[in-house]
Amino acid sequence: MSNSYNQQPIVITTVMGAGWKSLQTLNSTNQPVTAQNVGVTIPSQFGINVYKVIWDNPTTAGHTFTIVDPQNSNVLLAGTTGVANQDVEYDFESAPANWPDFKVTTISSGTLYIFYRS
């Protein structure tokens, strides 16, 4: 299975060559000009509010994944599995994490499912 950027949840199986904003095609244009935003470009894609990430089936203990902000390389989420073939869940339901953009730079094995609200 390959990466799928235009669905809910977002599915990531391999490292990403660019940030999610540039790879997704759900909202790739700018907002229409209104009286309130004349002279200002407002992008349609503001980012996502992540409320859960599931790392499905990391195959070997010690495998890792890393998700960074592609603008400044700050780590948004990283994980290391302690048990082979056991799913790992990261839950932000009570305080969703706001990711204006993201890029998976490391995924040793398994699949990342990123659940979000826009």
N, C-alpha and C. Protein backbone atom coordinates (compact mmCIF):
# COMPACT_ATOMS: atom_id res chain seq x y z
N MET A 1 0.84 -1.17 0.00
CA MET A 1 0.00 0.00 0.00
C MET A 1 0.89 1.24 0.00
N SER A 2 0.51 2.23 -0.76
CA SER A 2 1.29 3.46 -0.80
C SER A 2 0.63 4.53 0.08
N ASN A 3 1.34 5.62 0.28
CA ASN A 3 0.80 6.73 1.07
C ASN A 3 -0.49 7.25 0.43
N SER A 4 -1.44 7.64 1.28
CA SER A 4 -2.70 8.20 0.80
C SER A 4 -2.99 9.46 1.60
N TYR A 5 -2.87 10.62 0.94
CA TYR A 5 -2.95 11.90 1.62
C TYR A 5 -4.35 12.51 1.63
N ASN A 6 -5.25 12.00 0.80
CA ASN A 6 -6.57 12.62 0.63
C ASN A 6 -7.70 11.83 1.27
N GLN A 7 -7.43 11.15 2.33
CA GLN A 7 -8.50 10.38 2.97
C GLN A 7 -8.45 10.57 4.47
N GLN A 8 -9.47 10.07 5.13
CA GLN A 8 -9.57 10.11 6.58
C GLN A 8 -9.66 8.69 7.08
N PRO A 9 -8.69 8.15 7.77
CA PRO A 9 -7.46 8.82 8.18
C PRO A 9 -6.44 8.87 7.04
N ILE A 10 -5.45 9.75 7.21
CA ILE A 10 -4.32 9.79 6.28
C ILE A 10 -3.52 8.52 6.53
N VAL A 11 -3.07 7.86 5.46
CA VAL A 11 -2.33 6.60 5.58
C VAL A 11 -0.90 6.82 5.07
N ILE A 12 0.07 6.50 5.93
CA ILE A 12 1.48 6.68 5.59
C ILE A 12 2.21 5.35 5.79
N THR A 13 2.83 4.86 4.72
CA THR A 13 3.59 3.61 4.80
C THR A 13 5.08 3.80 4.51
N THR A 14 5.43 4.94 3.90
CA THR A 14 6.82 5.23 3.56
C THR A 14 7.11 6.69 3.88
N VAL A 15 8.40 7.03 3.93
CA VAL A 15 8.77 8.43 4.18
C VAL A 15 8.19 9.32 3.08
N MET A 16 7.95 10.56 3.43
CA MET A 16 7.34 11.52 2.50
C MET A 16 8.43 12.40 1.89
N GLY A 17 8.34 12.66 0.59
CA GLY A 17 9.32 13.49 -0.10
C GLY A 17 9.10 14.97 0.11
N ALA A 18 7.93 15.35 0.63
CA ALA A 18 7.59 16.76 0.86
C ALA A 18 6.55 16.81 1.97
N GLY A 19 6.16 18.01 2.35
CA GLY A 19 5.14 18.18 3.36
C GLY A 19 3.76 17.79 2.85
N TRP A 20 2.89 17.41 3.77
CA TRP A 20 1.53 16.96 3.43
C TRP A 20 0.77 18.01 2.64
N LYS A 21 0.90 19.29 3.00
CA LYS A 21 0.17 20.35 2.30
C LYS A 21 0.43 20.32 0.80
N SER A 22 1.67 20.09 0.42
CA SER A 22 2.00 20.11 -1.01
C SER A 22 1.63 18.80 -1.70
N LEU A 23 1.43 17.73 -0.94
CA LEU A 23 1.12 16.43 -1.53
C LEU A 23 -0.37 16.15 -1.63
N GLN A 24 -1.16 16.73 -0.72
CA GLN A 24 -2.61 16.51 -0.76
C GLN A 24 -3.23 17.37 -1.85
N THR A 25 -4.39 16.96 -2.34
CA THR A 25 -5.08 17.73 -3.38
C THR A 25 -6.51 18.07 -2.98
N LEU A 26 -6.83 17.96 -1.70
CA LEU A 26 -8.18 18.28 -1.23
C LEU A 26 -8.45 19.79 -1.31
N ASN A 27 -7.49 20.57 -0.87
CA ASN A 27 -7.60 22.03 -0.85
C ASN A 27 -6.27 22.61 -1.29
N SER A 28 -6.11 22.82 -2.58
CA SER A 28 -4.81 23.25 -3.07
C SER A 28 -4.80 24.67 -3.63
N THR A 29 -5.93 25.35 -3.59
CA THR A 29 -5.98 26.74 -4.09
C THR A 29 -6.10 27.70 -2.92
N ASN A 30 -6.23 28.96 -3.22
CA ASN A 30 -6.40 29.96 -2.17
C ASN A 30 -7.88 30.29 -2.01
N GLN A 31 -8.22 30.86 -0.86
CA GLN A 31 -9.58 31.30 -0.60
C GLN A 31 -9.94 32.43 -1.57
N PRO A 32 -11.20 32.54 -1.97
CA PRO A 32 -11.59 33.64 -2.86
C PRO A 32 -11.43 34.99 -2.17
N VAL A 33 -11.19 36.00 -2.97
CA VAL A 33 -11.03 37.35 -2.44
C VAL A 33 -12.40 37.88 -2.00
N THR A 34 -12.43 38.44 -0.80
CA THR A 34 -13.65 39.07 -0.28
C THR A 34 -13.29 40.48 0.15
N ALA A 35 -14.27 41.25 0.57
CA ALA A 35 -14.01 42.61 1.04
C ALA A 35 -13.08 42.60 2.25
N GLN A 36 -13.12 41.51 3.03
CA GLN A 36 -12.30 41.44 4.24
C GLN A 36 -10.84 41.08 3.95
N ASN A 37 -10.56 40.40 2.85
CA ASN A 37 -9.18 39.97 2.61
C ASN A 37 -8.57 40.50 1.32
N VAL A 38 -9.03 41.64 0.84
CA VAL A 38 -8.46 42.23 -0.37
C VAL A 38 -6.97 42.47 -0.16
N GLY A 39 -6.16 42.00 -1.09
CA GLY A 39 -4.73 42.21 -1.02
C GLY A 39 -3.99 41.21 -0.14
N VAL A 40 -4.71 40.23 0.41
CA VAL A 40 -4.09 39.24 1.28
C VAL A 40 -4.40 37.85 0.72
N THR A 41 -3.40 37.03 0.55
CA THR A 41 -3.62 35.65 0.09
C THR A 41 -3.88 34.77 1.29
N ILE A 42 -5.01 34.09 1.29
CA ILE A 42 -5.37 33.18 2.38
C ILE A 42 -5.46 31.77 1.81
N PRO A 43 -4.56 30.89 2.20
CA PRO A 43 -4.60 29.54 1.66
C PRO A 43 -5.81 28.77 2.14
N SER A 44 -6.33 27.89 1.29
CA SER A 44 -7.47 27.06 1.68
C SER A 44 -7.08 26.03 2.72
N GLN A 45 -5.87 25.51 2.64
CA GLN A 45 -5.46 24.46 3.56
C GLN A 45 -4.69 25.06 4.72
N PHE A 46 -5.35 25.16 5.87
CA PHE A 46 -4.73 25.76 7.06
C PHE A 46 -3.98 24.73 7.88
N GLY A 47 -4.11 23.47 7.55
CA GLY A 47 -3.52 22.41 8.34
C GLY A 47 -4.61 21.55 8.94
N ILE A 48 -4.21 20.71 9.88
CA ILE A 48 -5.16 19.78 10.48
C ILE A 48 -4.99 19.74 11.99
N ASN A 49 -6.04 19.34 12.66
CA ASN A 49 -6.02 19.10 14.10
C ASN A 49 -6.03 17.60 14.31
N VAL A 50 -4.91 17.07 14.71
CA VAL A 50 -4.74 15.62 14.86
C VAL A 50 -5.26 15.20 16.23
N TYR A 51 -6.17 14.21 16.22
CA TYR A 51 -6.67 13.73 17.50
C TYR A 51 -6.25 12.29 17.80
N LYS A 52 -5.70 11.59 16.82
CA LYS A 52 -5.21 10.24 17.08
C LYS A 52 -4.25 9.82 15.97
N VAL A 53 -3.19 9.13 16.37
CA VAL A 53 -2.27 8.49 15.43
C VAL A 53 -2.13 7.04 15.87
N ILE A 54 -2.35 6.13 14.94
CA ILE A 54 -2.16 4.71 15.23
C ILE A 54 -1.01 4.21 14.36
N TRP A 55 -0.04 3.60 15.02
CA TRP A 55 1.07 2.96 14.31
C TRP A 55 0.73 1.49 14.26
N ASP A 56 0.30 1.03 13.11
CA ASP A 56 -0.19 -0.32 12.92
C ASP A 56 0.95 -1.26 12.53
N ASN A 57 1.11 -2.32 13.32
CA ASN A 57 2.00 -3.43 13.03
C ASN A 57 3.46 -3.05 12.77
N PRO A 58 4.11 -2.33 13.70
CA PRO A 58 5.56 -2.18 13.57
C PRO A 58 6.18 -3.56 13.80
N THR A 59 6.96 -4.04 12.85
CA THR A 59 7.31 -5.46 12.81
C THR A 59 8.41 -5.91 13.78
N THR A 60 9.22 -4.97 14.27
CA THR A 60 10.36 -5.36 15.10
C THR A 60 10.50 -4.39 16.27
N ALA A 61 10.76 -4.93 17.45
CA ALA A 61 11.02 -4.09 18.61
C ALA A 61 12.20 -3.16 18.30
N GLY A 62 12.07 -1.90 18.65
CA GLY A 62 13.12 -0.92 18.39
C GLY A 62 12.91 -0.12 17.11
N HIS A 63 11.93 -0.51 16.29
CA HIS A 63 11.65 0.29 15.10
C HIS A 63 11.08 1.65 15.51
N THR A 64 11.28 2.65 14.63
CA THR A 64 10.90 4.02 14.97
C THR A 64 10.13 4.69 13.84
N PHE A 65 9.47 5.78 14.21
CA PHE A 65 8.91 6.70 13.22
C PHE A 65 9.12 8.11 13.74
N THR A 66 9.19 9.06 12.81
CA THR A 66 9.33 10.47 13.18
C THR A 66 8.49 11.31 12.23
N ILE A 67 7.70 12.21 12.81
CA ILE A 67 6.90 13.17 12.05
C ILE A 67 7.39 14.57 12.43
N VAL A 68 7.76 15.37 11.43
CA VAL A 68 8.31 16.70 11.69
C VAL A 68 7.50 17.77 10.97
N ASP A 69 7.70 19.01 11.39
CA ASP A 69 7.18 20.17 10.67
C ASP A 69 8.17 20.45 9.54
N PRO A 70 7.73 20.40 8.27
CA PRO A 70 8.68 20.58 7.17
C PRO A 70 9.25 21.98 7.07
N GLN A 71 8.65 22.96 7.74
CA GLN A 71 9.16 24.33 7.69
C GLN A 71 10.38 24.53 8.58
N ASN A 72 10.41 23.86 9.75
CA ASN A 72 11.50 24.11 10.69
C ASN A 72 12.11 22.84 11.28
N SER A 73 11.64 21.68 10.84
CA SER A 73 12.14 20.36 11.29
C SER A 73 11.87 20.06 12.76
N ASN A 74 11.00 20.84 13.42
CA ASN A 74 10.60 20.50 14.78
C ASN A 74 9.86 19.17 14.77
N VAL A 75 10.15 18.33 15.74
CA VAL A 75 9.50 17.02 15.83
C VAL A 75 8.09 17.22 16.38
N LEU A 76 7.10 16.76 15.62
CA LEU A 76 5.70 16.82 16.04
C LEU A 76 5.30 15.58 16.82
N LEU A 77 5.81 14.43 16.39
CA LEU A 77 5.53 13.16 17.06
C LEU A 77 6.59 12.16 16.64
N ALA A 78 7.06 11.38 17.59
CA ALA A 78 8.04 10.32 17.30
C ALA A 78 7.73 9.14 18.20
N GLY A 79 8.06 7.96 17.73
CA GLY A 79 7.81 6.78 18.54
C GLY A 79 8.80 5.67 18.28
N THR A 80 8.95 4.83 19.28
CA THR A 80 9.78 3.62 19.19
C THR A 80 8.94 2.49 19.74
N THR A 81 8.88 1.39 19.01
CA THR A 81 8.09 0.27 19.49
C THR A 81 8.90 -0.62 20.42
N GLY A 82 8.26 -1.06 21.49
CA GLY A 82 8.92 -1.96 22.43
C GLY A 82 8.61 -3.41 22.16
N VAL A 83 7.51 -3.67 21.45
CA VAL A 83 7.06 -5.04 21.20
C VAL A 83 6.76 -5.20 19.72
N ALA A 84 7.28 -6.23 19.10
CA ALA A 84 7.05 -6.49 17.68
C ALA A 84 5.57 -6.79 17.42
N ASN A 85 5.08 -6.32 16.28
CA ASN A 85 3.73 -6.61 15.79
C ASN A 85 2.61 -6.17 16.73
N GLN A 86 2.87 -5.19 17.56
CA GLN A 86 1.84 -4.67 18.47
C GLN A 86 1.56 -3.22 18.10
N ASP A 87 0.29 -2.91 17.81
CA ASP A 87 -0.09 -1.55 17.44
C ASP A 87 0.18 -0.58 18.60
N VAL A 88 0.53 0.65 18.23
CA VAL A 88 0.76 1.70 19.22
C VAL A 88 -0.19 2.85 18.89
N GLU A 89 -0.90 3.35 19.90
CA GLU A 89 -1.86 4.44 19.69
C GLU A 89 -1.43 5.68 20.46
N TYR A 90 -1.49 6.82 19.77
CA TYR A 90 -1.22 8.13 20.37
C TYR A 90 -2.52 8.89 20.31
N ASP A 91 -3.08 9.22 21.48
CA ASP A 91 -4.41 9.80 21.55
C ASP A 91 -4.33 11.25 22.04
N PHE A 92 -4.84 12.18 21.22
CA PHE A 92 -4.87 13.60 21.56
C PHE A 92 -6.31 14.10 21.63
N GLU A 93 -7.26 13.20 21.86
CA GLU A 93 -8.69 13.55 21.81
C GLU A 93 -9.03 14.73 22.71
N SER A 94 -8.47 14.77 23.91
CA SER A 94 -8.81 15.84 24.84
C SER A 94 -8.16 17.18 24.46
N ALA A 95 -7.07 17.14 23.72
CA ALA A 95 -6.38 18.36 23.26
C ALA A 95 -5.72 18.07 21.92
N PRO A 96 -6.50 18.13 20.81
CA PRO A 96 -5.93 17.82 19.49
C PRO A 96 -4.69 18.66 19.18
N ALA A 97 -3.73 18.02 18.56
CA ALA A 97 -2.49 18.69 18.17
C ALA A 97 -2.71 19.40 16.84
N ASN A 98 -2.39 20.69 16.78
CA ASN A 98 -2.53 21.44 15.54
C ASN A 98 -1.25 21.31 14.73
N TRP A 99 -1.38 20.72 13.53
CA TRP A 99 -0.26 20.57 12.62
C TRP A 99 -0.54 21.38 11.37
N PRO A 100 0.05 22.58 11.21
CA PRO A 100 -0.14 23.36 9.99
C PRO A 100 0.34 22.58 8.76
N ASP A 101 1.34 21.74 8.93
CA ASP A 101 1.86 20.88 7.87
C ASP A 101 2.67 19.81 8.59
N PHE A 102 2.95 18.70 7.92
CA PHE A 102 3.77 17.66 8.52
C PHE A 102 4.44 16.84 7.43
N LYS A 103 5.49 16.14 7.85
CA LYS A 103 6.23 15.27 6.95
C LYS A 103 6.77 14.09 7.76
N VAL A 104 6.55 12.88 7.28
CA VAL A 104 7.11 11.70 7.92
C VAL A 104 8.50 11.50 7.34
N THR A 105 9.51 11.60 8.21
CA THR A 105 10.90 11.48 7.77
C THR A 105 11.49 10.12 8.06
N THR A 106 10.87 9.38 8.99
CA THR A 106 11.33 8.04 9.34
C THR A 106 10.12 7.16 9.61
N ILE A 107 10.10 5.98 9.02
CA ILE A 107 9.14 4.94 9.40
C ILE A 107 9.81 3.61 9.07
N SER A 108 10.24 2.92 10.11
CA SER A 108 11.00 1.67 9.93
C SER A 108 10.13 0.54 9.41
N SER A 109 8.90 0.48 9.87
CA SER A 109 7.98 -0.58 9.45
C SER A 109 6.56 -0.17 9.84
N GLY A 110 5.60 -0.93 9.38
CA GLY A 110 4.21 -0.69 9.74
C GLY A 110 3.58 0.44 8.94
N THR A 111 2.42 0.87 9.41
CA THR A 111 1.63 1.90 8.76
C THR A 111 1.16 2.91 9.79
N LEU A 112 1.27 4.19 9.47
CA LEU A 112 0.73 5.25 10.32
C LEU A 112 -0.65 5.65 9.82
N TYR A 113 -1.62 5.69 10.70
CA TYR A 113 -2.95 6.20 10.42
C TYR A 113 -3.11 7.47 11.22
N ILE A 114 -3.29 8.59 10.53
CA ILE A 114 -3.39 9.90 11.17
C ILE A 114 -4.83 10.37 11.07
N PHE A 115 -5.52 10.41 12.20
CA PHE A 115 -6.91 10.83 12.28
C PHE A 115 -6.94 12.32 12.61
N TYR A 116 -7.74 13.08 11.91
CA TYR A 116 -7.71 14.54 12.07
C TYR A 116 -9.09 15.16 11.85
N ARG A 117 -9.18 16.41 12.28
CA ARG A 117 -10.30 17.28 11.97
C ARG A 117 -9.70 18.52 11.33
N SER A 118 -10.38 19.07 10.32
CA SER A 118 -9.81 20.26 9.68
C SER A 118 -10.32 21.52 10.33
